[in-house]
Amino acid sequence: MNRIFIPFLLSLSLILCLNGCTKDDPIEKEKMAMTKYLEDHGYAESPTASGLYYIETKRGTGADADKGDLVKVRYKGTFTDGTVFDSGIYT
């Protein structure tokens, strides 16, 4: 029984390894999807150092904030399909 089982396990391991090695990198796949979304919607934004994309849809009319100032922020986080995952107004 071991003579049949061991080659089977080795073959199965090789198949699983090769299958896993050929899949697309999910991070690269997400970057490509985001780039396509931005291009399709006419946005020219670039990600921050952490990888966050944000789009300023309405600029405030008050004075620019200085370091240490208290500001009010209204935001809406959405997925590329438009589904809202978070929103709020914070001071």
Protein backbone atom coordinates (compact mmCIF):
# COMPACT_ATOMS: atom_id res chain seq x y z
CA MET A 1 0.00 0.00 0.00
CA ASN A 2 2.83 2.45 0.80
CA ARG A 3 4.33 1.87 -2.66
CA ILE A 4 1.19 3.26 -4.28
CA PHE A 5 0.38 5.91 -1.69
CA ILE A 6 3.77 7.69 -1.62
CA PRO A 7 4.00 8.30 -5.40
CA PHE A 8 0.38 9.46 -5.31
CA LEU A 9 1.19 12.00 -2.58
CA LEU A 10 4.27 13.20 -4.45
CA SER A 11 2.26 13.63 -7.65
CA LEU A 12 -0.52 15.44 -5.82
CA SER A 13 1.99 17.75 -4.11
CA LEU A 14 3.62 18.58 -7.44
CA ILE A 15 0.27 19.34 -9.08
CA LEU A 16 -0.78 21.59 -6.20
CA CYS A 17 2.55 23.39 -6.20
CA LEU A 18 2.47 24.01 -9.95
CA ASN A 19 -1.12 25.17 -9.77
CA GLY A 20 -0.29 27.62 -6.99
CA CYS A 21 2.79 28.90 -8.79
CA THR A 22 0.87 29.77 -11.95
CA LYS A 23 -1.88 31.82 -10.30
CA ASP A 24 -1.69 35.60 -10.66
CA ASP A 25 -0.34 37.59 -7.75
CA PRO A 26 -3.48 39.02 -6.05
CA ILE A 27 -1.75 42.31 -5.23
CA GLU A 28 -0.70 42.85 -8.84
CA LYS A 29 -4.16 41.82 -10.00
CA GLU A 30 -5.73 44.44 -7.69
CA LYS A 31 -3.29 47.13 -8.89
CA MET A 32 -4.22 46.37 -12.50
CA ALA A 33 -7.93 46.53 -11.67
CA MET A 34 -7.48 49.88 -9.90
CA THR A 35 -5.47 51.31 -12.80
CA LYS A 36 -8.17 50.22 -15.25
CA TYR A 37 -10.91 51.71 -13.05
CA LEU A 38 -9.11 55.06 -12.81
CA GLU A 39 -8.48 55.18 -16.56
CA ASP A 40 -12.07 54.18 -17.39
CA HIS A 41 -13.42 56.98 -15.18
CA GLY A 42 -10.96 59.67 -16.28
CA TYR A 43 -9.06 59.95 -12.99
CA ALA A 44 -5.33 60.67 -12.88
CA GLU A 45 -4.76 59.99 -9.17
CA SER A 46 -1.72 58.12 -7.90
CA PRO A 47 -1.57 56.04 -4.74
CA THR A 48 -0.12 57.34 -1.50
CA ALA A 49 2.98 55.64 -0.07
CA SER A 50 0.69 53.14 1.70
CA GLY A 51 -1.14 52.30 -1.54
CA LEU A 52 -4.31 54.28 -0.76
CA TYR A 53 -6.07 55.99 -3.65
CA TYR A 54 -8.28 58.95 -2.86
CA ILE A 55 -10.21 61.29 -5.10
CA GLU A 56 -11.01 64.79 -3.95
CA THR A 57 -14.53 65.31 -5.29
CA LYS A 58 -15.23 68.68 -3.67
CA ARG A 59 -12.57 71.03 -2.39
CA GLY A 60 -13.34 73.00 0.73
CA THR A 61 -13.70 76.77 0.60
CA GLY A 62 -12.02 77.66 3.89
CA ALA A 63 -8.42 78.49 4.63
CA ASP A 64 -5.79 75.78 4.24
CA ALA A 65 -5.17 73.81 7.41
CA ASP A 66 -1.88 74.13 9.24
CA LYS A 67 -0.21 71.43 11.30
CA GLY A 68 -2.14 71.04 14.54
CA ASP A 69 -5.36 72.63 13.22
CA LEU A 70 -8.70 70.93 13.80
CA VAL A 71 -10.42 70.06 10.52
CA LYS A 72 -13.74 68.59 9.47
CA VAL A 73 -13.62 65.74 6.96
CA ARG A 74 -16.49 64.15 5.07
CA TYR A 75 -15.62 60.95 3.24
CA LYS A 76 -17.12 57.95 1.51
CA GLY A 77 -15.13 54.78 0.88
CA THR A 78 -16.29 52.68 -2.05
CA PHE A 79 -15.19 49.60 -3.90
CA THR A 80 -14.59 49.92 -7.64
CA ASP A 81 -18.10 48.57 -8.28
CA GLY A 82 -19.57 51.56 -6.38
CA THR A 83 -20.49 49.64 -3.23
CA VAL A 84 -20.01 51.89 -0.19
CA PHE A 85 -18.00 50.23 2.57
CA ASP A 86 -17.65 53.23 4.91
CA SER A 87 -18.59 56.89 5.16
CA GLY A 88 -18.72 59.61 7.74
CA ILE A 89 -18.12 63.16 8.85
CA TYR A 90 -15.34 63.64 11.38
CA THR A 91 -14.00 66.63 13.24
